[in-house]
Amino acid sequence: MIFQCPFCAGDRVEVVFNKYDGYFVYCDDCQAGGPARTDKQDAIDSWNFASSATWPKRQNQAKLDMTVGQLLDAFKRRSYWKKGKG
């Protein structure tokens, strides 16, 4: 299994072989690639390690975005009720 791209979170990733560099994983969405390895599974493992290292950052950003959205919604509701009562 190949994880999503650590740079753009794209799912269109594939293992590519180049006779000069060897195997590497390539993202069709943002054209990121690498690192190159002589073994196909080593290339996948290296890619997955990089992807898993950045996943918590993206997950935390999604949580933060959701929290900010919830705060904005609450503020709008509060402002609406203040106007209605005033």
Protein backbone atom coordinates (compact mmCIF):
# COMPACT_ATOMS: atom_id res chain seq x y z
CA MET A 1 0.00 0.00 0.00
CA ILE A 2 1.28 3.44 -0.91
CA PHE A 3 0.22 6.36 1.30
CA GLN A 4 -1.06 9.65 -0.09
CA CYS A 5 1.36 12.39 -1.09
CA PRO A 6 3.01 14.11 1.89
CA PHE A 7 3.16 17.38 -0.05
CA CYS A 8 -0.33 17.80 -1.51
CA ALA A 9 -2.30 14.94 0.13
CA GLY A 10 -3.10 13.64 -3.35
CA ASP A 11 -4.07 10.02 -3.87
CA ARG A 12 -2.76 9.65 -7.42
CA VAL A 13 0.62 8.14 -6.52
CA GLU A 14 2.46 5.31 -8.25
CA VAL A 15 5.80 3.53 -8.23
CA VAL A 16 7.96 4.51 -11.19
CA PHE A 17 11.18 2.90 -12.43
CA ASN A 18 13.94 4.90 -14.04
CA LYS A 19 17.06 3.06 -15.26
CA TYR A 20 19.30 5.85 -13.94
CA ASP A 21 17.77 6.36 -10.50
CA GLY A 22 15.90 3.14 -9.76
CA TYR A 23 12.45 2.97 -8.16
CA PHE A 24 10.63 5.92 -6.65
CA VAL A 25 7.08 6.93 -5.85
CA TYR A 26 5.67 9.74 -7.98
CA CYS A 27 2.62 11.94 -7.34
CA ASP A 28 0.61 12.73 -10.47
CA ASP A 29 -1.13 15.62 -8.70
CA CYS A 30 1.86 17.78 -7.69
CA GLN A 31 4.72 15.98 -9.49
CA ALA A 32 6.59 15.24 -6.24
CA GLY A 33 8.74 12.16 -6.28
CA GLY A 34 11.32 10.15 -4.43
CA PRO A 35 13.40 9.17 -2.77
CA ALA A 36 14.94 6.82 -5.34
CA ARG A 37 15.84 3.31 -4.19
CA THR A 38 17.24 0.21 -5.89
CA ASP A 39 14.40 -1.92 -4.47
CA LYS A 40 10.72 -1.25 -5.20
CA GLN A 41 9.54 -1.99 -1.65
CA ASP A 42 12.29 0.24 -0.19
CA ALA A 43 11.00 3.11 -2.36
CA ILE A 44 7.45 2.55 -1.09
CA ASP A 45 8.62 2.30 2.52
CA SER A 46 10.61 5.55 2.22
CA TRP A 47 7.62 7.35 0.69
CA ASN A 48 5.27 6.01 3.34
CA PHE A 49 7.63 7.12 6.11
CA ALA A 50 7.66 10.67 4.76
CA SER A 51 3.90 10.64 4.32
CA SER A 52 3.20 9.32 7.83
CA ALA A 53 5.53 11.95 9.31
CA THR A 54 3.42 14.78 7.82
CA TRP A 55 -0.02 13.21 8.40
CA PRO A 56 -0.46 14.45 12.02
CA LYS A 57 0.19 18.02 10.85
CA ARG A 58 -2.55 17.82 8.20
CA GLN A 59 -4.91 16.11 10.64
CA ASN A 60 -4.33 18.82 13.27
CA GLN A 61 -4.87 21.53 10.65
CA ALA A 62 -8.23 20.00 9.74
CA LYS A 63 -9.23 19.98 13.41
CA LEU A 64 -8.16 23.62 13.75
CA ASP A 65 -10.13 24.62 10.64
CA MET A 66 -13.21 22.89 12.04
CA THR A 67 -12.82 24.62 15.42
CA VAL A 68 -12.45 28.03 13.80
CA GLY A 69 -15.58 27.36 11.74
CA GLN A 70 -17.52 26.37 14.85
CA LEU A 71 -16.41 29.55 16.63
CA LEU A 72 -17.49 31.71 13.70
CA ASP A 73 -20.89 30.00 13.60
CA ALA A 74 -21.35 30.55 17.34
CA PHE A 75 -20.37 34.20 17.02
CA LYS A 76 -22.85 34.72 14.17
CA ARG A 77 -25.63 33.11 16.19
CA ARG A 78 -24.82 35.26 19.23
CA SER A 79 -24.75 38.44 17.14
CA TYR A 80 -28.09 37.52 15.59
CA TRP A 81 -29.75 37.03 18.98
CA LYS A 82 -28.31 40.25 20.38
CA LYS A 83 -29.76 42.19 17.44
CA GLY A 84 -33.13 40.50 17.86
CA LYS A 85 -33.35 41.31 21.57
CA GLY A 86 -32.00 44.84 21.34
